[in-house]
């Protein structure tokens, strides 16, 4: 009985939803920041923002892998 209660308790702990903050950048916002020389602002935001910065694989392809020159 003790093992069943322990397993149920562990299961309840793992099923709790977790909320994580994220900022999702699109290519337009990154291009705009780059054209305005504001990359340092992104670095400063990263220091104070308690979450992740994300880009999609399509944005990575457009901005990093095959940028328009």
C-alpha atoms as a PDB file:
ATOM      1  CA  UNK A   1       0.000   0.000   0.000  1.00  0.00           C
ATOM      2  CA  UNK A   2       2.830   2.384   0.856  1.00  0.00           C
ATOM      3  CA  UNK A   3       4.428   1.816  -2.566  1.00  0.00           C
ATOM      4  CA  UNK A   4       1.166   2.581  -4.367  1.00  0.00           C
ATOM      5  CA  UNK A   5       0.746   5.834  -2.434  1.00  0.00           C
ATOM      6  CA  UNK A   6       4.342   6.799  -3.180  1.00  0.00           C
ATOM      7  CA  UNK A   7       3.909   6.080  -6.896  1.00  0.00           C
ATOM      8  CA  UNK A   8       0.675   8.096  -6.988  1.00  0.00           C
ATOM      9  CA  UNK A   9       2.338  10.988  -5.195  1.00  0.00           C
ATOM     10  CA  UNK A  10       5.242  10.968  -7.668  1.00  0.00           C
ATOM     11  CA  UNK A  11       2.817  10.771 -10.583  1.00  0.00           C
ATOM     12  CA  UNK A  12       0.887  13.800  -9.320  1.00  0.00           C
ATOM     13  CA  UNK A  13       4.143  15.739  -8.966  1.00  0.00           C
ATOM     14  CA  UNK A  14       5.165  15.014 -12.550  1.00  0.00           C
ATOM     15  CA  UNK A  15       1.768  15.934 -14.001  1.00  0.00           C
ATOM     16  CA  UNK A  16       1.747  19.467 -12.652  1.00  0.00           C
ATOM     17  CA  UNK A  17       1.699  21.928 -15.545  1.00  0.00           C
ATOM     18  CA  UNK A  18       4.713  24.141 -15.829  1.00  0.00           C
ATOM     19  CA  UNK A  19       4.579  27.610 -17.278  1.00  0.00           C
ATOM     20  CA  UNK A  20       7.650  28.990 -18.941  1.00  0.00           C
ATOM     21  CA  UNK A  21       7.992  32.446 -20.412  1.00  0.00           C
ATOM     22  CA  UNK A  22       9.260  32.774 -23.968  1.00  0.00           C
ATOM     23  CA  UNK A  23       9.767  35.469 -26.568  1.00  0.00           C
ATOM     24  CA  UNK A  24       9.369  34.256 -30.137  1.00  0.00           C
ATOM     25  CA  UNK A  25      11.166  36.383 -32.711  1.00  0.00           C
ATOM     26  CA  UNK A  26      10.111  36.515 -36.328  1.00  0.00           C
ATOM     27  CA  UNK A  27      12.476  37.437 -39.128  1.00  0.00           C
ATOM     28  CA  UNK A  28      11.039  40.942 -39.501  1.00  0.00           C
ATOM     29  CA  UNK A  29      11.746  41.902 -35.900  1.00  0.00           C
ATOM     30  CA  UNK A  30      15.291  40.503 -36.071  1.00  0.00           C
ATOM     31  CA  UNK A  31      16.005  42.300 -39.343  1.00  0.00           C
ATOM     32  CA  UNK A  32      14.630  45.530 -37.895  1.00  0.00           C
ATOM     33  CA  UNK A  33      16.810  45.232 -34.778  1.00  0.00           C
ATOM     34  CA  UNK A  34      19.852  44.489 -36.925  1.00  0.00           C
ATOM     35  CA  UNK A  35      19.214  47.435 -39.259  1.00  0.00           C
ATOM     36  CA  UNK A  36      18.867  49.696 -36.215  1.00  0.00           C
ATOM     37  CA  UNK A  37      22.075  48.336 -34.618  1.00  0.00           C
ATOM     38  CA  UNK A  38      20.136  47.171 -31.561  1.00  0.00           C
ATOM     39  CA  UNK A  39      21.681  43.752 -31.002  1.00  0.00           C
ATOM     40  CA  UNK A  40      23.034  44.965 -27.668  1.00  0.00           C
ATOM     41  CA  UNK A  41      19.449  45.600 -26.565  1.00  0.00           C
ATOM     42  CA  UNK A  42      18.646  41.924 -27.131  1.00  0.00           C
ATOM     43  CA  UNK A  43      21.604  40.957 -24.966  1.00  0.00           C
ATOM     44  CA  UNK A  44      20.430  43.296 -22.207  1.00  0.00           C
ATOM     45  CA  UNK A  45      16.882  41.940 -22.448  1.00  0.00           C
ATOM     46  CA  UNK A  46      18.245  38.394 -22.161  1.00  0.00           C
ATOM     47  CA  UNK A  47      19.932  39.346 -18.875  1.00  0.00           C
ATOM     48  CA  UNK A  48      16.667  40.484 -17.271  1.00  0.00           C
ATOM     49  CA  UNK A  49      14.064  38.268 -18.990  1.00  0.00           C
ATOM     50  CA  UNK A  50      13.363  35.073 -17.015  1.00  0.00           C
ATOM     51  CA  UNK A  51      12.644  32.879 -20.006  1.00  0.00           C
ATOM     52  CA  UNK A  52      13.804  31.682 -23.389  1.00  0.00           C
ATOM     53  CA  UNK A  53      14.261  33.406 -26.729  1.00  0.00           C
ATOM     54  CA  UNK A  54      12.989  31.317 -29.629  1.00  0.00           C
ATOM     55  CA  UNK A  55      13.024  31.432 -33.407  1.00  0.00           C
ATOM     56  CA  UNK A  56      11.419  28.938 -35.761  1.00  0.00           C
ATOM     57  CA  UNK A  57      13.462  26.802 -38.122  1.00  0.00           C
ATOM     58  CA  UNK A  58      12.128  28.901 -41.024  1.00  0.00           C
ATOM     59  CA  UNK A  59      13.381  32.105 -39.404  1.00  0.00           C
ATOM     60  CA  UNK A  60      16.772  30.464 -38.838  1.00  0.00           C
ATOM     61  CA  UNK A  61      16.920  29.519 -42.513  1.00  0.00           C
ATOM     62  CA  UNK A  62      15.983  33.041 -43.620  1.00  0.00           C
ATOM     63  CA  UNK A  63      18.207  34.953 -41.200  1.00  0.00           C
ATOM     64  CA  UNK A  64      21.190  32.673 -40.547  1.00  0.00           C
ATOM     65  CA  UNK A  65      21.451  29.884 -43.125  1.00  0.00           C
ATOM     66  CA  UNK A  66      20.503  31.724 -46.341  1.00  0.00           C
ATOM     67  CA  UNK A  67      20.260  35.465 -45.728  1.00  0.00           C
ATOM     68  CA  UNK A  68      19.392  37.776 -48.601  1.00  0.00           C
ATOM     69  CA  UNK A  69      22.510  39.787 -49.368  1.00  0.00           C
END
